[in-house]
Amino acid sequence: MASIRIRACITGRVQGVFFRAETREQARRLGLTGWVRNLPDGRVEVLAEGDEQDVRALLAWCRTGPPHASVERVEESPECFSGEFNTFTITY
């Protein structure tokens, strides 16, 4: 299966609702690498690498997020796969 890399920005009530921690857990369950972080404008940014099916599954999860989140929009941007990460982390 092809490996891909996608950067996504999630808009809505996504900070202060465990979005980053839950995204990390979902990504690790799926065997993905990359990171998730809060942005100063209130969005959450995700950079994920792995098998296309698993990255798509993470993005599908991001459209709903954890129970207290209210996702308005997920903007996806494909990037060139790099394989530079060993795990999936929360970054700042």
C-alpha atoms as a PDB file:
ATOM      1  CA  MET A   1       0.000   0.000   0.000  1.00  0.00           C
ATOM      2  CA  ALA A   2       1.236   3.523  -0.801  1.00  0.00           C
ATOM      3  CA  SER A   3       2.539   5.768   1.955  1.00  0.00           C
ATOM      4  CA  ILE A   4       1.290   9.349   1.970  1.00  0.00           C
ATOM      5  CA  ARG A   5       1.717  12.553   3.951  1.00  0.00           C
ATOM      6  CA  ILE A   6      -1.106  14.987   4.619  1.00  0.00           C
ATOM      7  CA  ARG A   7      -1.215  18.241   6.551  1.00  0.00           C
ATOM      8  CA  ALA A   8      -4.637  19.163   7.899  1.00  0.00           C
ATOM      9  CA  CYS A   9      -5.980  22.190   9.752  1.00  0.00           C
ATOM     10  CA  ILE A  10      -9.067  21.643  11.863  1.00  0.00           C
ATOM     11  CA  THR A  11     -11.352  24.599  12.595  1.00  0.00           C
ATOM     12  CA  GLY A  12     -14.018  24.820  15.292  1.00  0.00           C
ATOM     13  CA  ARG A  13     -14.040  24.256  19.037  1.00  0.00           C
ATOM     14  CA  VAL A  14     -10.933  22.094  18.943  1.00  0.00           C
ATOM     15  CA  GLN A  15      -8.651  23.538  21.610  1.00  0.00           C
ATOM     16  CA  GLY A  16      -9.111  22.725  25.289  1.00  0.00           C
ATOM     17  CA  VAL A  17     -11.168  19.589  24.513  1.00  0.00           C
ATOM     18  CA  PHE A  18      -8.354  16.977  24.416  1.00  0.00           C
ATOM     19  CA  PHE A  19      -8.233  17.116  20.607  1.00  0.00           C
ATOM     20  CA  ARG A  20      -4.434  16.816  20.460  1.00  0.00           C
ATOM     21  CA  ALA A  21      -4.200  13.951  22.951  1.00  0.00           C
ATOM     22  CA  GLU A  22      -6.999  12.004  21.283  1.00  0.00           C
ATOM     23  CA  THR A  23      -5.547  12.637  17.816  1.00  0.00           C
ATOM     24  CA  ARG A  24      -2.195  11.277  19.004  1.00  0.00           C
ATOM     25  CA  GLU A  25      -3.872   8.161  20.381  1.00  0.00           C
ATOM     26  CA  GLN A  26      -5.868   7.585  17.167  1.00  0.00           C
ATOM     27  CA  ALA A  27      -2.737   8.075  15.047  1.00  0.00           C
ATOM     28  CA  ARG A  28      -0.694   5.673  17.165  1.00  0.00           C
ATOM     29  CA  ARG A  29      -3.453   3.034  16.995  1.00  0.00           C
ATOM     30  CA  LEU A  30      -3.356   3.368  13.211  1.00  0.00           C
ATOM     31  CA  GLY A  31       0.448   3.097  13.107  1.00  0.00           C
ATOM     32  CA  LEU A  32       0.948   6.633  11.768  1.00  0.00           C
ATOM     33  CA  THR A  33       3.827   9.009  12.371  1.00  0.00           C
ATOM     34  CA  GLY A  34       3.898  12.815  12.522  1.00  0.00           C
ATOM     35  CA  TRP A  35       2.557  15.376  14.953  1.00  0.00           C
ATOM     36  CA  VAL A  36      -0.383  17.462  16.117  1.00  0.00           C
ATOM     37  CA  ARG A  37      -0.306  21.001  17.550  1.00  0.00           C
ATOM     38  CA  ASN A  38      -2.490  23.948  18.512  1.00  0.00           C
ATOM     39  CA  LEU A  39      -2.247  27.030  16.333  1.00  0.00           C
ATOM     40  CA  PRO A  40      -2.435  30.582  17.757  1.00  0.00           C
ATOM     41  CA  ASP A  41      -5.651  31.257  15.794  1.00  0.00           C
ATOM     42  CA  GLY A  42      -7.575  28.496  17.621  1.00  0.00           C
ATOM     43  CA  ARG A  43      -7.215  25.762  14.999  1.00  0.00           C
ATOM     44  CA  VAL A  44      -5.417  22.436  15.397  1.00  0.00           C
ATOM     45  CA  GLU A  45      -2.846  21.360  12.802  1.00  0.00           C
ATOM     46  CA  VAL A  46      -2.052  17.711  12.045  1.00  0.00           C
ATOM     47  CA  LEU A  47       0.812  16.337   9.955  1.00  0.00           C
ATOM     48  CA  ALA A  48       0.406  12.597   9.402  1.00  0.00           C
ATOM     49  CA  GLU A  49       2.382  10.029   7.430  1.00  0.00           C
ATOM     50  CA  GLY A  50       1.641   6.373   6.784  1.00  0.00           C
ATOM     51  CA  ASP A  51      -0.415   4.030   4.660  1.00  0.00           C
ATOM     52  CA  GLU A  52      -3.015   5.961   2.696  1.00  0.00           C
ATOM     53  CA  GLN A  53      -5.943   4.031   4.190  1.00  0.00           C
ATOM     54  CA  ASP A  54      -4.746   4.737   7.740  1.00  0.00           C
ATOM     55  CA  VAL A  55      -4.097   8.448   7.096  1.00  0.00           C
ATOM     56  CA  ARG A  56      -7.587   8.729   5.582  1.00  0.00           C
ATOM     57  CA  ALA A  57      -9.030   6.992   8.668  1.00  0.00           C
ATOM     58  CA  LEU A  58      -7.327   9.557  10.927  1.00  0.00           C
ATOM     59  CA  LEU A  59      -8.681  12.437   8.842  1.00  0.00           C
ATOM     60  CA  ALA A  60     -12.164  10.946   8.996  1.00  0.00           C
ATOM     61  CA  TRP A  61     -11.852  10.806  12.793  1.00  0.00           C
ATOM     62  CA  CYS A  62     -10.685  14.462  12.811  1.00  0.00           C
ATOM     63  CA  ARG A  63     -13.962  15.507  11.162  1.00  0.00           C
ATOM     64  CA  THR A  64     -15.713  14.612  14.439  1.00  0.00           C
ATOM     65  CA  GLY A  65     -12.927  14.632  17.028  1.00  0.00           C
ATOM     66  CA  PRO A  66     -13.320  13.827  20.720  1.00  0.00           C
ATOM     67  CA  PRO A  67     -16.700  14.129  22.500  1.00  0.00           C
ATOM     68  CA  HIS A  68     -16.419  17.811  23.568  1.00  0.00           C
ATOM     69  CA  ALA A  69     -15.080  19.070  20.234  1.00  0.00           C
ATOM     70  CA  SER A  70     -17.191  20.812  17.613  1.00  0.00           C
ATOM     71  CA  VAL A  71     -15.450  20.538  14.249  1.00  0.00           C
ATOM     72  CA  GLU A  72     -16.535  23.039  11.609  1.00  0.00           C
ATOM     73  CA  ARG A  73     -14.024  22.292   8.859  1.00  0.00           C
ATOM     74  CA  VAL A  74     -11.002  20.124   8.025  1.00  0.00           C
ATOM     75  CA  GLU A  75      -8.702  21.531   5.335  1.00  0.00           C
ATOM     76  CA  GLU A  76      -6.333  18.936   3.872  1.00  0.00           C
ATOM     77  CA  SER A  77      -3.128  19.532   1.921  1.00  0.00           C
ATOM     78  CA  PRO A  78      -1.152  16.608   0.481  1.00  0.00           C
ATOM     79  CA  GLU A  79       2.629  16.803   0.807  1.00  0.00           C
ATOM     80  CA  CYS A  80       5.546  14.625  -0.279  1.00  0.00           C
ATOM     81  CA  PHE A  81       6.046  11.611   1.970  1.00  0.00           C
ATOM     82  CA  SER A  82       9.372  11.927   3.820  1.00  0.00           C
ATOM     83  CA  GLY A  83       9.509   9.135   6.396  1.00  0.00           C
ATOM     84  CA  GLU A  84      11.237  11.544   8.782  1.00  0.00           C
ATOM     85  CA  PHE A  85       9.217  10.663  11.899  1.00  0.00           C
ATOM     86  CA  ASN A  86       9.525   7.684  14.235  1.00  0.00           C
ATOM     87  CA  THR A  87       6.298   8.196  16.179  1.00  0.00           C
ATOM     88  CA  PHE A  88       3.289  10.505  16.437  1.00  0.00           C
ATOM     89  CA  THR A  89       3.690  13.311  18.982  1.00  0.00           C
ATOM     90  CA  ILE A  90       2.088  16.449  20.349  1.00  0.00           C
ATOM     91  CA  THR A  91       4.304  19.375  19.444  1.00  0.00           C
ATOM     92  CA  TYR A  92       4.240  23.075  20.283  1.00  0.00           C
END
